[in-house]
Amino acid sequence: MPRITFVDHRGAARMVEIPAGHSLMEGAVNNDIAGILADCGGACSCATCHVLVDPAWVDVLPPREAMEEDMLEFAVEPGPTSRLSCQITITDALDGLIVTLPASQL
């Protein structure tokens, strides 16, 4: 099962296992990762599951689609590696993925 590391905005890291086929957001919610609100439940209609992908992993992920790009405009302080965790499907190739949580989702 792929292991994903979530780093909070203060630098504390927590590694969790997320089954392949689940979204990063689902894995965060199921593992009680603080800072992932997921208000829309994964429908890509809010930006409360915003994460910053470690630069080493950006090219491993599929590119952002137009809907995700639009919703990221509502994220607090989005950056060049910003993604919505509901739009990242976990695969075995993502074992070791590192994402950082923003200080706030709202």
PDB file of N, CA and C in Angstrom:
ATOM      1  N   MET A   1       0.854  -1.175   0.000  1.00  0.00           N
ATOM      2  CA  MET A   1       0.000   0.000   0.000  1.00  0.00           C
ATOM      3  C   MET A   1       0.900   1.239   0.000  1.00  0.00           C
ATOM      4  N   PRO A   2       0.638   2.191  -0.881  1.00  0.00           N
ATOM      5  CA  PRO A   2       1.473   3.396  -0.946  1.00  0.00           C
ATOM      6  C   PRO A   2       1.469   4.184   0.365  1.00  0.00           C
ATOM      7  N   ARG A   3       2.653   4.657   0.721  1.00  0.00           N
ATOM      8  CA  ARG A   3       2.817   5.490   1.922  1.00  0.00           C
ATOM      9  C   ARG A   3       2.986   6.929   1.483  1.00  0.00           C
ATOM     10  N   ILE A   4       2.189   7.797   2.100  1.00  0.00           N
ATOM     11  CA  ILE A   4       2.184   9.216   1.764  1.00  0.00           C
ATOM     12  C   ILE A   4       2.531   9.994   3.023  1.00  0.00           C
ATOM     13  N   THR A   5       3.385  11.000   2.886  1.00  0.00           N
ATOM     14  CA  THR A   5       3.745  11.837   4.028  1.00  0.00           C
ATOM     15  C   THR A   5       3.071  13.188   3.896  1.00  0.00           C
ATOM     16  N   PHE A   6       2.327  13.550   4.944  1.00  0.00           N
ATOM     17  CA  PHE A   6       1.702  14.860   5.058  1.00  0.00           C
ATOM     18  C   PHE A   6       2.530  15.684   6.031  1.00  0.00           C
ATOM     19  N   VAL A   7       2.924  16.872   5.626  1.00  0.00           N
ATOM     20  CA  VAL A   7       3.712  17.767   6.469  1.00  0.00           C
ATOM     21  C   VAL A   7       2.832  18.972   6.780  1.00  0.00           C
ATOM     22  N   ASP A   8       2.630  19.237   8.080  1.00  0.00           N
ATOM     23  CA  ASP A   8       1.793  20.397   8.400  1.00  0.00           C
ATOM     24  C   ASP A   8       2.595  21.682   8.210  1.00  0.00           C
ATOM     25  N   HIS A   9       1.918  22.813   8.302  1.00  0.00           N
ATOM     26  CA  HIS A   9       2.572  24.091   8.001  1.00  0.00           C
ATOM     27  C   HIS A   9       3.670  24.442   8.999  1.00  0.00           C
ATOM     28  N   ARG A  10       3.734  23.723  10.108  1.00  0.00           N
ATOM     29  CA  ARG A  10       4.807  23.938  11.094  1.00  0.00           C
ATOM     30  C   ARG A  10       6.001  23.000  10.876  1.00  0.00           C
ATOM     31  N   GLY A  11       5.842  22.056   9.950  1.00  0.00           N
ATOM     32  CA  GLY A  11       6.934  21.148   9.635  1.00  0.00           C
ATOM     33  C   GLY A  11       6.818  19.760  10.231  1.00  0.00           C
ATOM     34  N   ALA A  12       5.768  19.482  11.009  1.00  0.00           N
ATOM     35  CA  ALA A  12       5.581  18.146  11.580  1.00  0.00           C
ATOM     36  C   ALA A  12       5.066  17.206  10.491  1.00  0.00           C
ATOM     37  N   ALA A  13       5.701  16.055  10.367  1.00  0.00           N
ATOM     38  CA  ALA A  13       5.347  15.101   9.316  1.00  0.00           C
ATOM     39  C   ALA A  13       4.626  13.891   9.893  1.00  0.00           C
ATOM     40  N   ARG A  14       3.701  13.371   9.101  1.00  0.00           N
ATOM     41  CA  ARG A  14       2.979  12.152   9.467  1.00  0.00           C
ATOM     42  C   ARG A  14       2.818  11.306   8.217  1.00  0.00           C
ATOM     43  N   MET A  15       3.284  10.067   8.279  1.00  0.00           N
ATOM     44  CA  MET A  15       3.172   9.148   7.153  1.00  0.00           C
ATOM     45  C   MET A  15       1.957   8.251   7.368  1.00  0.00           C
ATOM     46  N   VAL A  16       1.167   8.096   6.302  1.00  0.00           N
ATOM     47  CA  VAL A  16       0.007   7.213   6.344  1.00  0.00           C
ATOM     48  C   VAL A  16       0.001   6.332   5.108  1.00  0.00           C
ATOM     49  N   GLU A  17      -0.699   5.217   5.203  1.00  0.00           N
ATOM     50  CA  GLU A  17      -0.879   4.345   4.051  1.00  0.00           C
ATOM     51  C   GLU A  17      -2.255   4.619   3.461  1.00  0.00           C
ATOM     52  N   ILE A  18      -2.280   4.751   2.131  1.00  0.00           N
ATOM     53  CA  ILE A  18      -3.535   5.005   1.428  1.00  0.00           C
ATOM     54  C   ILE A  18      -3.646   3.971   0.307  1.00  0.00           C
ATOM     55  N   PRO A  19      -4.758   3.255   0.269  1.00  0.00           N
ATOM     56  CA  PRO A  19      -4.906   2.244  -0.788  1.00  0.00           C
ATOM     57  C   PRO A  19      -4.894   2.852  -2.185  1.00  0.00           C
ATOM     58  N   ALA A  20      -4.275   2.152  -3.112  1.00  0.00           N
ATOM     59  CA  ALA A  20      -4.305   2.568  -4.513  1.00  0.00           C
ATOM     60  C   ALA A  20      -5.760   2.643  -4.964  1.00  0.00           C
ATOM     61  N   GLY A  21      -6.068   3.656  -5.762  1.00  0.00           N
ATOM     62  CA  GLY A  21      -7.418   3.861  -6.248  1.00  0.00           C
ATOM     63  C   GLY A  21      -8.196   4.889  -5.448  1.00  0.00           C
ATOM     64  N   HIS A  22      -7.772   5.160  -4.222  1.00  0.00           N
ATOM     65  CA  HIS A  22      -8.409   6.199  -3.410  1.00  0.00           C
ATOM     66  C   HIS A  22      -7.782   7.537  -3.767  1.00  0.00           C
ATOM     67  N   SER A  23      -8.505   8.612  -3.490  1.00  0.00           N
ATOM     68  CA  SER A  23      -7.910   9.930  -3.704  1.00  0.00           C
ATOM     69  C   SER A  23      -7.044  10.282  -2.500  1.00  0.00           C
ATOM     70  N   LEU A  24      -6.119  11.176  -2.716  1.00  0.00           N
ATOM     71  CA  LEU A  24      -5.288  11.667  -1.624  1.00  0.00           C
ATOM     72  C   LEU A  24      -6.157  12.282  -0.534  1.00  0.00           C
ATOM     73  N   MET A  25      -7.214  12.988  -0.936  1.00  0.00           N
ATOM     74  CA  MET A  25      -8.139  13.595   0.018  1.00  0.00           C
ATOM     75  C   MET A  25      -8.845  12.536   0.852  1.00  0.00           C
ATOM     76  N   GLU A  26      -9.322  11.474   0.221  1.00  0.00           N
ATOM     77  CA  GLU A  26      -9.983  10.390   0.968  1.00  0.00           C
ATOM     78  C   GLU A  26      -9.029   9.792   1.995  1.00  0.00           C
ATOM     79  N   GLY A  27      -7.795   9.576   1.570  1.00  0.00           N
ATOM     80  CA  GLY A  27      -6.801   9.024   2.486  1.00  0.00           C
ATOM     81  C   GLY A  27      -6.526   9.945   3.655  1.00  0.00           C
ATOM     82  N   ALA A  28      -6.479  11.247   3.388  1.00  0.00           N
ATOM     83  CA  ALA A  28      -6.249  12.219   4.456  1.00  0.00           C
ATOM     84  C   ALA A  28      -7.410  12.215   5.443  1.00  0.00           C
ATOM     85  N   VAL A  29      -8.628  12.242   4.934  1.00  0.00           N
ATOM     86  CA  VAL A  29      -9.813  12.248   5.792  1.00  0.00           C
ATOM     87  C   VAL A  29      -9.891  10.948   6.591  1.00  0.00           C
ATOM     88  N   ASN A  30      -9.674   9.818   5.937  1.00  0.00           N
ATOM     89  CA  ASN A  30      -9.756   8.519   6.619  1.00  0.00           C
ATOM     90  C   ASN A  30      -8.682   8.336   7.680  1.00  0.00           C
ATOM     91  N   ASN A  31      -7.596   9.096   7.565  1.00  0.00           N
ATOM     92  CA  ASN A  31      -6.502   9.006   8.533  1.00  0.00           C
ATOM     93  C   ASN A  31      -6.459  10.208   9.465  1.00  0.00           C
ATOM     94  N   ASP A  32      -7.538  10.983   9.491  1.00  0.00           N
ATOM     95  CA  ASP A  32      -7.655  12.135  10.399  1.00  0.00           C
ATOM     96  C   ASP A  32      -6.495  13.113  10.282  1.00  0.00           C
ATOM     97  N   ILE A  33      -6.117  13.434   9.049  1.00  0.00           N
ATOM     98  CA  ILE A  33      -5.068  14.425   8.821  1.00  0.00           C
ATOM     99  C   ILE A  33      -5.676  15.809   9.055  1.00  0.00           C
ATOM    100  N   ALA A  34      -5.189  16.488  10.075  1.00  0.00           N
ATOM    101  CA  ALA A  34      -5.676  17.833  10.383  1.00  0.00           C
ATOM    102  C   ALA A  34      -5.275  18.776   9.253  1.00  0.00           C
ATOM    103  N   GLY A  35      -6.197  19.633   8.848  1.00  0.00           N
ATOM    104  CA  GLY A  35      -5.899  20.612   7.812  1.00  0.00           C
ATOM    105  C   GLY A  35      -6.516  20.290   6.470  1.00  0.00           C
ATOM    106  N   ILE A  36      -7.044  19.092   6.297  1.00  0.00           N
ATOM    107  CA  ILE A  36      -7.782  18.755   5.082  1.00  0.00           C
ATOM    108  C   ILE A  36      -9.258  18.778   5.455  1.00  0.00           C
ATOM    109  N   LEU A  37      -9.956  19.825   5.042  1.00  0.00           N
ATOM    110  CA  LEU A  37     -11.357  19.977   5.414  1.00  0.00           C
ATOM    111  C   LEU A  37     -12.289  19.188   4.485  1.00  0.00           C
ATOM    112  N   ALA A  38     -11.994  19.198   3.200  1.00  0.00           N
ATOM    113  CA  ALA A  38     -12.755  18.436   2.212  1.00  0.00           C
ATOM    114  C   ALA A  38     -14.249  18.740   2.282  1.00  0.00           C
ATOM    115  N   ASP A  39     -14.587  20.013   2.320  1.00  0.00           N
ATOM    116  CA  ASP A  39     -15.982  20.428   2.465  1.00  0.00           C
ATOM    117  C   ASP A  39     -16.902  19.875   1.374  1.00  0.00           C
ATOM    118  N   CYS A  40     -16.419  19.752   0.151  1.00  0.00           N
ATOM    119  CA  CYS A  40     -17.290  19.291  -0.935  1.00  0.00           C
ATOM    120  C   CYS A  40     -17.257  17.776  -1.095  1.00  0.00           C
ATOM    121  N   GLY A  41     -16.481  17.098  -0.292  1.00  0.00           N
ATOM    122  CA  GLY A  41     -16.451  15.641  -0.338  1.00  0.00           C
ATOM    123  C   GLY A  41     -15.742  15.058  -1.543  1.00  0.00           C
ATOM    124  N   GLY A  42     -14.954  15.850  -2.217  1.00  0.00           N
ATOM    125  CA  GLY A  42     -14.186  15.346  -3.351  1.00  0.00           C
ATOM    126  C   GLY A  42     -14.785  15.659  -4.708  1.00  0.00           C
ATOM    127  N   ALA A  43     -15.735  16.576  -4.763  1.00  0.00           N
ATOM    128  CA  ALA A  43     -16.396  16.920  -6.022  1.00  0.00           C
ATOM    129  C   ALA A  43     -15.672  18.006  -6.819  1.00  0.00           C
ATOM    130  N   CYS A  44     -14.525  18.434  -6.351  1.00  0.00           N
ATOM    131  CA  CYS A  44     -13.754  19.499  -7.005  1.00  0.00           C
ATOM    132  C   CYS A  44     -14.592  20.767  -7.143  1.00  0.00           C
ATOM    133  N   SER A  45     -15.327  21.086  -6.053  1.00  0.00           N
ATOM    134  CA  SER A  45     -16.136  22.304  -6.081  1.00  0.00           C
ATOM    135  C   SER A  45     -15.813  23.218  -4.903  1.00  0.00           C
ATOM    136  N   CYS A  46     -14.653  23.029  -4.310  1.00  0.00           N
ATOM    137  CA  CYS A  46     -14.139  23.932  -3.282  1.00  0.00           C
ATOM    138  C   CYS A  46     -12.620  23.806  -3.316  1.00  0.00           C
ATOM    139  N   ALA A  47     -11.952  24.460  -2.431  1.00  0.00           N
ATOM    140  CA  ALA A  47     -10.487  24.354  -2.397  1.00  0.00           C
ATOM    141  C   ALA A  47     -10.010  24.014  -0.991  1.00  0.00           C
ATOM    142  N   THR A  48     -10.849  23.289  -0.235  1.00  0.00           N
ATOM    143  CA  THR A  48     -10.513  23.018   1.168  1.00  0.00           C
ATOM    144  C   THR A  48      -9.726  21.721   1.359  1.00  0.00           C
ATOM    145  N   CYS A  49      -9.200  21.186   0.271  1.00  0.00           N
ATOM    146  CA  CYS A  49      -8.297  20.029   0.361  1.00  0.00           C
ATOM    147  C   CYS A  49      -6.974  20.363  -0.330  1.00  0.00           C
ATOM    148  N   HIS A  50      -6.679  21.649  -0.400  1.00  0.00           N
ATOM    149  CA  HIS A  50      -5.470  22.167  -1.044  1.00  0.00           C
ATOM    150  C   HIS A  50      -4.214  21.633  -0.355  1.00  0.00           C
ATOM    151  N   VAL A  51      -3.251  21.175  -1.148  1.00  0.00           N
ATOM    152  CA  VAL A  51      -1.941  20.755  -0.648  1.00  0.00           C
ATOM    153  C   VAL A  51      -0.870  21.313  -1.575  1.00  0.00           C
ATOM    154  N   LEU A  52       0.332  21.366  -1.081  1.00  0.00           N
ATOM    155  CA  LEU A  52       1.498  21.748  -1.878  1.00  0.00           C
ATOM    156  C   LEU A  52       2.330  20.490  -2.073  1.00  0.00           C
ATOM    157  N   VAL A  53       2.481  20.080  -3.301  1.00  0.00           N
ATOM    158  CA  VAL A  53       3.219  18.863  -3.618  1.00  0.00           C
ATOM    159  C   VAL A  53       4.714  19.156  -3.565  1.00  0.00           C
ATOM    160  N   ASP A  54       5.453  18.254  -2.940  1.00  0.00           N
ATOM    161  CA  ASP A  54       6.908  18.389  -2.915  1.00  0.00           C
ATOM    162  C   ASP A  54       7.400  18.497  -4.357  1.00  0.00           C
ATOM    163  N   PRO A  55       8.289  19.454  -4.649  1.00  0.00           N
ATOM    164  CA  PRO A  55       8.740  19.657  -6.033  1.00  0.00           C
ATOM    165  C   PRO A  55       9.267  18.400  -6.722  1.00  0.00           C
ATOM    166  N   ALA A  56       9.859  17.490  -5.977  1.00  0.00           N
ATOM    167  CA  ALA A  56      10.385  16.261  -6.576  1.00  0.00           C
ATOM    168  C   ALA A  56       9.276  15.368  -7.140  1.00  0.00           C
ATOM    169  N   TRP A  57       8.056  15.592  -6.711  1.00  0.00           N
ATOM    170  CA  TRP A  57       6.928  14.748  -7.115  1.00  0.00           C
ATOM    171  C   TRP A  57       6.015  15.392  -8.160  1.00  0.00           C
ATOM    172  N   VAL A  58       6.198  16.655  -8.457  1.00  0.00           N
ATOM    173  CA  VAL A  58       5.289  17.365  -9.356  1.00  0.00           C
ATOM    174  C   VAL A  58       5.181  16.674 -10.712  1.00  0.00           C
ATOM    175  N   ASP A  59       6.288  16.272 -11.282  1.00  0.00           N
ATOM    176  CA  ASP A  59       6.262  15.670 -12.615  1.00  0.00           C
ATOM    177  C   ASP A  59       5.788  14.224 -12.613  1.00  0.00           C
ATOM    178  N   VAL A  60       5.686  13.609 -11.446  1.00  0.00           N
ATOM    179  CA  VAL A  60       5.184  12.236 -11.344  1.00  0.00           C
ATOM    180  C   VAL A  60       3.653  12.229 -11.440  1.00  0.00           C
ATOM    181  N   LEU A  61       3.043  13.302 -10.966  1.00  0.00           N
ATOM    182  CA  LEU A  61       1.580  13.409 -10.981  1.00  0.00           C
ATOM    183  C   LEU A  61       1.072  13.807 -12.357  1.00  0.00           C
ATOM    184  N   PRO A  62      -0.147  13.383 -12.700  1.00  0.00           N
ATOM    185  CA  PRO A  62      -0.730  13.901 -13.943  1.00  0.00           C
ATOM    186  C   PRO A  62      -0.952  15.402 -13.811  1.00  0.00           C
ATOM    187  N   PRO A  63      -0.940  16.130 -14.897  1.00  0.00           N
ATOM    188  CA  PRO A  63      -1.126  17.587 -14.821  1.00  0.00           C
ATOM    189  C   PRO A  63      -2.520  17.950 -14.313  1.00  0.00           C
ATOM    190  N   ARG A  64      -2.622  19.169 -13.795  1.00  0.00           N
ATOM    191  CA  ARG A  64      -3.921  19.682 -13.350  1.00  0.00           C
ATOM    192  C   ARG A  64      -4.832  19.846 -14.548  1.00  0.00           C
ATOM    193  N   GLU A  65      -6.098  19.502 -14.351  1.00  0.00           N
ATOM    194  CA  GLU A  65      -7.097  19.731 -15.390  1.00  0.00           C
ATOM    195  C   GLU A  65      -7.733  21.097 -15.166  1.00  0.00           C
ATOM    196  N   ALA A  66      -8.491  21.559 -16.137  1.00  0.00           N
ATOM    197  CA  ALA A  66      -9.059  22.912 -16.106  1.00  0.00           C
ATOM    198  C   ALA A  66      -9.915  23.161 -14.867  1.00  0.00           C
ATOM    199  N   MET A  67     -10.737  22.193 -14.474  1.00  0.00           N
ATOM    200  CA  MET A  67     -11.599  22.387 -13.310  1.00  0.00           C
ATOM    201  C   MET A  67     -10.765  22.592 -12.048  1.00  0.00           C
ATOM    202  N   GLU A  68      -9.714  21.800 -11.895  1.00  0.00           N
ATOM    203  CA  GLU A  68      -8.838  21.958 -10.733  1.00  0.00           C
ATOM    204  C   GLU A  68      -8.146  23.321 -10.764  1.00  0.00           C
ATOM    205  N   GLU A  69      -7.679  23.722 -11.923  1.00  0.00           N
ATOM    206  CA  GLU A  69      -7.047  25.041 -12.070  1.00  0.00           C
ATOM    207  C   GLU A  69      -8.006  26.141 -11.619  1.00  0.00           C
ATOM    208  N   ASP A  70      -9.257  26.042 -12.046  1.00  0.00           N
ATOM    209  CA  ASP A  70     -10.259  27.041 -11.667  1.00  0.00           C
ATOM    210  C   ASP A  70     -10.479  27.064 -10.165  1.00  0.00           C
ATOM    211  N   MET A  71     -10.593  25.910  -9.545  1.00  0.00           N
ATOM    212  CA  MET A  71     -10.865  25.846  -8.103  1.00  0.00           C
ATOM    213  C   MET A  71      -9.657  26.302  -7.284  1.00  0.00           C
ATOM    214  N   LEU A  72      -8.460  26.115  -7.782  1.00  0.00           N
ATOM    215  CA  LEU A  72      -7.269  26.558  -7.052  1.00  0.00           C
ATOM    216  C   LEU A  72      -7.220  28.076  -6.903  1.00  0.00           C
ATOM    217  N   GLU A  73      -7.970  28.789  -7.737  1.00  0.00           N
ATOM    218  CA  GLU A  73      -8.050  30.242  -7.583  1.00  0.00           C
ATOM    219  C   GLU A  73      -8.679  30.625  -6.247  1.00  0.00           C
ATOM    220  N   PHE A  74      -9.435  29.704  -5.638  1.00  0.00           N
ATOM    221  CA  PHE A  74     -10.086  29.959  -4.361  1.00  0.00           C
ATOM    222  C   PHE A  74      -9.258  29.481  -3.167  1.00  0.00           C
ATOM    223  N   ALA A  75      -8.121  28.851  -3.424  1.00  0.00           N
ATOM    224  CA  ALA A  75      -7.250  28.374  -2.346  1.00  0.00           C
ATOM    225  C   ALA A  75      -6.535  29.552  -1.701  1.00  0.00           C
ATOM    226  N   VAL A  76      -6.233  29.396  -0.424  1.00  0.00           N
ATOM    227  CA  VAL A  76      -5.458  30.407   0.292  1.00  0.00           C
ATOM    228  C   VAL A  76      -4.000  30.257  -0.131  1.00  0.00           C
ATOM    229  N   GLU A  77      -3.455  31.303  -0.671  1.00  0.00           N
ATOM    230  CA  GLU A  77      -2.049  31.360  -1.078  1.00  0.00           C
ATOM    231  C   GLU A  77      -1.589  30.150  -1.897  1.00  0.00           C
ATOM    232  N   PRO A  78      -2.221  29.916  -3.059  1.00  0.00           N
ATOM    233  CA  PRO A  78      -1.755  28.813  -3.894  1.00  0.00           C
ATOM    234  C   PRO A  78      -0.363  29.099  -4.441  1.00  0.00           C
ATOM    235  N   GLY A  79       0.363  28.053  -4.716  1.00  0.00           N
ATOM    236  CA  GLY A  79       1.705  28.182  -5.258  1.00  0.00           C
ATOM    237  C   GLY A  79       1.863  27.331  -6.507  1.00  0.00           C
ATOM    238  N   PRO A  80       3.052  27.305  -7.067  1.00  0.00           N
ATOM    239  CA  PRO A  80       3.264  26.575  -8.321  1.00  0.00           C
ATOM    240  C   PRO A  80       3.095  25.060  -8.182  1.00  0.00           C
ATOM    241  N   THR A  81       3.208  24.530  -6.962  1.00  0.00           N
ATOM    242  CA  THR A  81       3.032  23.090  -6.775  1.00  0.00           C
ATOM    243  C   THR A  81       1.700  22.763  -6.110  1.00  0.00           C
ATOM    244  N   SER A  82       0.784  23.738  -6.080  1.00  0.00           N
ATOM    245  CA  SER A  82      -0.528  23.524  -5.460  1.00  0.00           C
ATOM    246  C   SER A  82      -1.344  22.509  -6.238  1.00  0.00           C
ATOM    247  N   ARG A  83      -2.038  21.669  -5.492  1.00  0.00           N
ATOM    248  CA  ARG A  83      -2.996  20.712  -6.055  1.00  0.00           C
ATOM    249  C   ARG A  83      -4.162  20.579  -5.101  1.00  0.00           C
ATOM    250  N   LEU A  84      -5.281  20.135  -5.622  1.00  0.00           N
ATOM    251  CA  LEU A  84      -6.400  19.739  -4.783  1.00  0.00           C
ATOM    252  C   LEU A  84      -6.246  18.241  -4.553  1.00  0.00           C
ATOM    253  N   SER A  85      -6.197  17.858  -3.294  1.00  0.00           N
ATOM    254  CA  SER A  85      -5.928  16.447  -2.989  1.00  0.00           C
ATOM    255  C   SER A  85      -7.048  15.529  -3.472  1.00  0.00           C
ATOM    256  N   CYS A  86      -8.248  16.068  -3.702  1.00  0.00           N
ATOM    257  CA  CYS A  86      -9.339  15.243  -4.236  1.00  0.00           C
ATOM    258  C   CYS A  86      -9.086  14.849  -5.688  1.00  0.00           C
ATOM    259  N   GLN A  87      -8.176  15.535  -6.353  1.00  0.00           N
ATOM    260  CA  GLN A  87      -7.903  15.280  -7.762  1.00  0.00           C
ATOM    261  C   GLN A  87      -6.662  14.426  -7.993  1.00  0.00           C
ATOM    262  N   ILE A  88      -6.078  13.936  -6.920  1.00  0.00           N
ATOM    263  CA  ILE A  88      -4.902  13.070  -7.024  1.00  0.00           C
ATOM    264  C   ILE A  88      -5.315  11.659  -6.642  1.00  0.00           C
ATOM    265  N   THR A  89      -5.313  10.767  -7.613  1.00  0.00           N
ATOM    266  CA  THR A  89      -5.628   9.365  -7.359  1.00  0.00           C
ATOM    267  C   THR A  89      -4.345   8.633  -7.004  1.00  0.00           C
ATOM    268  N   ILE A  90      -4.392   7.941  -5.894  1.00  0.00           N
ATOM    269  CA  ILE A  90      -3.208   7.219  -5.420  1.00  0.00           C
ATOM    270  C   ILE A  90      -2.963   5.990  -6.288  1.00  0.00           C
ATOM    271  N   THR A  91      -1.705   5.837  -6.688  1.00  0.00           N
ATOM    272  CA  THR A  91      -1.243   4.649  -7.407  1.00  0.00           C
ATOM    273  C   THR A  91       0.005   4.154  -6.698  1.00  0.00           C
ATOM    274  N   ASP A  92       0.431   2.950  -7.029  1.00  0.00           N
ATOM    275  CA  ASP A  92       1.656   2.419  -6.424  1.00  0.00           C
ATOM    276  C   ASP A  92       2.851   3.305  -6.746  1.00  0.00           C
ATOM    277  N   ALA A  93       2.828   3.983  -7.881  1.00  0.00           N
ATOM    278  CA  ALA A  93       3.935   4.873  -8.270  1.00  0.00           C
ATOM    279  C   ALA A  93       4.062   6.073  -7.340  1.00  0.00           C
ATOM    280  N   LEU A  94       3.025   6.351  -6.533  1.00  0.00           N
ATOM    281  CA  LEU A  94       3.068   7.499  -5.619  1.00  0.00           C
ATOM    282  C   LEU A  94       3.552   7.118  -4.223  1.00  0.00           C
ATOM    283  N   ASP A  95       4.022   5.882  -4.060  1.00  0.00           N
ATOM    284  CA  ASP A  95       4.585   5.483  -2.769  1.00  0.00           C
ATOM    285  C   ASP A  95       5.763   6.406  -2.441  1.00  0.00           C
ATOM    286  N   GLY A  96       5.671   7.094  -1.308  1.00  0.00           N
ATOM    287  CA  GLY A  96       6.708   8.038  -0.905  1.00  0.00           C
ATOM    288  C   GLY A  96       6.352   9.496  -1.161  1.00  0.00           C
ATOM    289  N   LEU A  97       5.203   9.753  -1.783  1.00  0.00           N
ATOM    290  CA  LEU A  97       4.756  11.119  -2.070  1.00  0.00           C
ATOM    291  C   LEU A  97       4.770  11.952  -0.793  1.00  0.00           C
ATOM    292  N   ILE A  98       5.207  13.197  -0.928  1.00  0.00           N
ATOM    293  CA  ILE A  98       5.235  14.145   0.192  1.00  0.00           C
ATOM    294  C   ILE A  98       4.434  15.375  -0.212  1.00  0.00           C
ATOM    295  N   VAL A  99       3.491  15.749   0.654  1.00  0.00           N
ATOM    296  CA  VAL A  99       2.707  16.962   0.433  1.00  0.00           C
ATOM    297  C   VAL A  99       2.723  17.789   1.713  1.00  0.00           C
ATOM    298  N   THR A 100       2.686  19.099   1.552  1.00  0.00           N
ATOM    299  CA  THR A 100       2.641  20.014   2.700  1.00  0.00           C
ATOM    300  C   THR A 100       1.279  20.671   2.723  1.00  0.00           C
ATOM    301  N   LEU A 101       0.748  20.814   3.929  1.00  0.00           N
ATOM    302  CA  LEU A 101      -0.549  21.453   4.121  1.00  0.00           C
ATOM    303  C   LEU A 101      -0.370  22.946   4.340  1.00  0.00           C
ATOM    304  N   PRO A 102      -1.237  23.756   3.767  1.00  0.00           N
ATOM    305  CA  PRO A 102      -1.148  25.192   4.003  1.00  0.00           C
ATOM    306  C   PRO A 102      -1.547  25.517   5.440  1.00  0.00           C
ATOM    307  N   ALA A 103      -1.212  26.709   5.885  1.00  0.00           N
ATOM    308  CA  ALA A 103      -1.562  27.133   7.244  1.00  0.00           C
ATOM    309  C   ALA A 103      -3.072  27.220   7.426  1.00  0.00           C
ATOM    310  N   SER A 104      -3.797  27.497   6.339  1.00  0.00           N
ATOM    311  CA  SER A 104      -5.253  27.612   6.415  1.00  0.00           C
ATOM    312  C   SER A 104      -5.861  27.182   5.097  1.00  0.00           C
ATOM    313  N   GLN A 105      -7.064  26.630   5.165  1.00  0.00           N
ATOM    314  CA  GLN A 105      -7.809  26.290   3.950  1.00  0.00           C
ATOM    315  C   GLN A 105      -8.861  27.346   3.643  1.00  0.00           C
ATOM    316  N   LEU A 106      -9.123  28.230   4.604  1.00  0.00           N
ATOM    317  CA  LEU A 106     -10.172  29.237   4.421  1.00  0.00           C
ATOM    318  C   LEU A 106      -9.609  30.632   4.501  1.00  0.00           C
TER     319      LEU A 106
END
